[in-house]
């Protein structure tokens, strides 16, 4: 497993902790999918999906087998609600995700990374005749990727 994937997977337990019993607004952490995996009919809503669309170099030194890398990730929260509750429902799951992912005061994934950033959020309105909504929270973190590490 790459260093980036190891660091990203450290977010899964944080997302799984999103439950009302833990003081969150929703129980979205009941089902957390790691990767851009489509929801199956067996998955009850709400669910959370974490995936990693890209990584970008931030800095490098000549003749050194490592690079500072920024990993960009997306956390999606999918749920269902009545149309009148759309903004309230989206806000509740977005708040939970941001608290779980970015609530670390050090903003370093407990020492695994540097500079964990909130990069934005987006709410997708349900299609007509459906109650499903999608919340996307974009984030990123930096770490030094040692290319010659086992």
Protein backbone atom coordinates (compact mmCIF):
# COMPACT_ATOMS: atom_id res chain seq x y z
CA UNK A 1 0.00 0.00 0.00
CA UNK A 2 1.37 3.43 -0.89
CA UNK A 3 2.12 6.02 1.77
CA UNK A 4 -0.67 8.23 0.42
CA UNK A 5 -3.24 5.43 0.61
CA UNK A 6 -2.12 4.51 4.14
CA UNK A 7 -2.55 8.11 5.28
CA UNK A 8 -5.90 8.47 3.52
CA UNK A 9 -7.21 5.24 5.05
CA UNK A 10 -6.55 6.74 8.49
CA UNK A 11 -9.66 8.84 7.86
CA UNK A 12 -11.94 5.77 7.73
CA UNK A 13 -12.21 5.23 11.52
CA UNK A 14 -12.90 8.95 11.98
CA UNK A 15 -15.73 8.74 9.47
CA UNK A 16 -17.05 5.53 11.04
CA UNK A 17 -17.35 7.43 14.35
CA UNK A 18 -20.03 9.70 12.84
CA UNK A 19 -22.96 8.49 14.91
CA UNK A 20 -25.50 10.30 17.03
CA UNK A 21 -24.32 8.24 20.02
CA UNK A 22 -20.91 9.95 19.60
CA UNK A 23 -22.43 13.43 19.58
CA UNK A 24 -22.81 13.87 15.82
CA UNK A 25 -25.94 15.07 13.98
CA UNK A 26 -26.34 11.91 11.88
CA UNK A 27 -25.57 8.20 11.82
CA UNK A 28 -23.79 8.50 8.47
CA UNK A 29 -20.74 6.62 9.78
CA UNK A 30 -22.71 3.37 9.96
CA UNK A 31 -21.67 2.63 6.36
CA UNK A 32 -18.32 3.99 5.13
CA UNK A 33 -17.13 2.93 1.68
CA UNK A 34 -13.45 3.40 0.84
CA UNK A 35 -13.11 4.21 -2.81
CA UNK A 36 -15.44 5.50 -5.52
CA UNK A 37 -17.77 2.54 -4.89
CA UNK A 38 -21.39 2.88 -5.97
CA UNK A 39 -24.01 2.35 -3.28
CA UNK A 40 -25.76 -0.99 -3.52
CA UNK A 41 -29.46 -1.52 -2.90
CA UNK A 42 -28.51 -3.27 0.36
CA UNK A 43 -26.82 -0.12 1.72
CA UNK A 44 -29.17 1.93 3.87
CA UNK A 45 -28.87 5.70 3.72
CA UNK A 46 -27.07 7.72 4.90
CA UNK A 47 -23.67 6.47 3.79
CA UNK A 48 -20.22 8.00 3.44
CA UNK A 49 -17.79 7.38 0.61
CA UNK A 50 -14.10 8.39 0.75
CA UNK A 51 -11.95 8.49 -2.33
CA UNK A 52 -8.76 9.96 -3.70
CA UNK A 53 -9.06 11.59 -7.12
CA UNK A 54 -5.55 13.03 -7.45
CA UNK A 55 -2.18 13.96 -5.98
CA UNK A 56 0.07 16.82 -7.00
CA UNK A 57 3.77 17.50 -6.38
CA UNK A 58 4.43 20.49 -4.13
CA UNK A 59 8.20 20.58 -4.04
CA UNK A 60 11.20 18.47 -4.89
CA UNK A 61 14.94 18.51 -4.49
CA UNK A 62 17.31 17.53 -7.26
CA UNK A 63 18.84 14.04 -6.96
CA UNK A 64 16.77 13.09 -3.89
CA UNK A 65 14.33 10.15 -3.98
CA UNK A 66 11.47 11.96 -2.25
CA UNK A 67 8.98 14.68 -2.96
CA UNK A 68 6.50 16.77 -1.01
CA UNK A 69 3.08 15.71 -2.31
CA UNK A 70 -0.44 17.13 -1.82
CA UNK A 71 -3.11 14.42 -1.83
CA UNK A 72 -6.56 15.66 -2.84
CA UNK A 73 -9.50 13.66 -1.47
CA UNK A 74 -13.27 13.76 -1.51
CA UNK A 75 -15.68 12.63 1.18
CA UNK A 76 -19.21 12.12 -0.08
CA UNK A 77 -22.24 11.89 2.17
CA UNK A 78 -25.33 10.43 0.59
CA UNK A 79 -28.72 10.54 2.25
CA UNK A 80 -32.42 10.98 1.66
CA UNK A 81 -34.88 13.58 2.89
CA UNK A 82 -38.07 15.41 2.04
CA UNK A 83 -37.44 18.34 -0.35
CA UNK A 84 -38.30 20.84 2.37
CA UNK A 85 -35.48 19.41 4.53
CA UNK A 86 -32.81 19.45 1.80
CA UNK A 87 -30.58 22.23 3.16
CA UNK A 88 -30.93 21.12 6.78
CA UNK A 89 -30.08 17.51 5.92
CA UNK A 90 -27.13 18.44 3.71
CA UNK A 91 -25.80 20.83 6.33
CA UNK A 92 -26.06 18.19 9.08
CA UNK A 93 -24.03 15.57 7.22
CA UNK A 94 -21.55 18.18 5.90
CA UNK A 95 -20.98 19.45 9.45
CA UNK A 96 -20.42 15.90 10.68
CA UNK A 97 -17.89 15.10 7.95
CA UNK A 98 -15.96 18.36 8.48
CA UNK A 99 -15.84 17.78 12.24
CA UNK A 100 -14.59 14.20 11.81
CA UNK A 101 -11.98 14.96 9.15
CA UNK A 102 -10.82 18.49 9.97
CA UNK A 103 -11.57 18.64 13.70
CA UNK A 104 -8.05 17.54 14.65
CA UNK A 105 -6.56 20.65 16.27
CA UNK A 106 -3.09 19.82 14.92
CA UNK A 107 -4.56 19.34 11.41
CA UNK A 108 -2.01 16.60 10.73
CA UNK A 109 -3.91 13.25 10.81
CA UNK A 110 -2.34 12.49 14.20
CA UNK A 111 1.17 13.08 12.89
CA UNK A 112 0.80 11.19 9.60
CA UNK A 113 0.62 14.27 7.38
CA UNK A 114 1.09 18.03 7.27
CA UNK A 115 -1.31 20.82 6.50
CA UNK A 116 -4.71 19.07 6.28
CA UNK A 117 -6.99 21.48 4.43
CA UNK A 118 -10.71 21.92 3.88
CA UNK A 119 -10.95 22.74 0.17
CA UNK A 120 -14.71 23.24 -0.23
CA UNK A 121 -18.12 21.63 -0.21
CA UNK A 122 -20.95 21.09 -2.65
CA UNK A 123 -24.57 20.02 -2.22
CA UNK A 124 -26.29 18.18 -5.08
CA UNK A 125 -30.04 18.68 -5.25
CA UNK A 126 -32.14 15.49 -5.49
CA UNK A 127 -33.43 14.55 -8.94
CA UNK A 128 -37.14 15.24 -9.39
CA UNK A 129 -39.21 12.47 -7.84
CA UNK A 130 -36.37 11.22 -5.61
CA UNK A 131 -35.34 12.04 -2.07
CA UNK A 132 -31.62 11.22 -2.41
CA UNK A 133 -29.06 13.99 -2.02
CA UNK A 134 -25.27 14.08 -2.21
CA UNK A 135 -22.85 16.21 -0.23
CA UNK A 136 -19.23 16.46 -1.38
CA UNK A 137 -16.51 17.70 0.96
CA UNK A 138 -13.14 18.29 -0.70
CA UNK A 139 -9.94 18.21 1.30
CA UNK A 140 -6.23 17.68 0.94
CA UNK A 141 -3.11 16.98 2.94
CA UNK A 142 0.62 17.17 2.35
CA UNK A 143 3.30 14.63 3.20
CA UNK A 144 6.80 13.74 2.09
CA UNK A 145 6.63 10.73 -0.22
CA UNK A 146 9.83 8.69 -0.01
CA UNK A 147 9.88 6.88 -3.34
CA UNK A 148 12.52 4.38 -2.30
CA UNK A 149 10.72 3.31 0.92
CA UNK A 150 9.47 -0.29 1.02
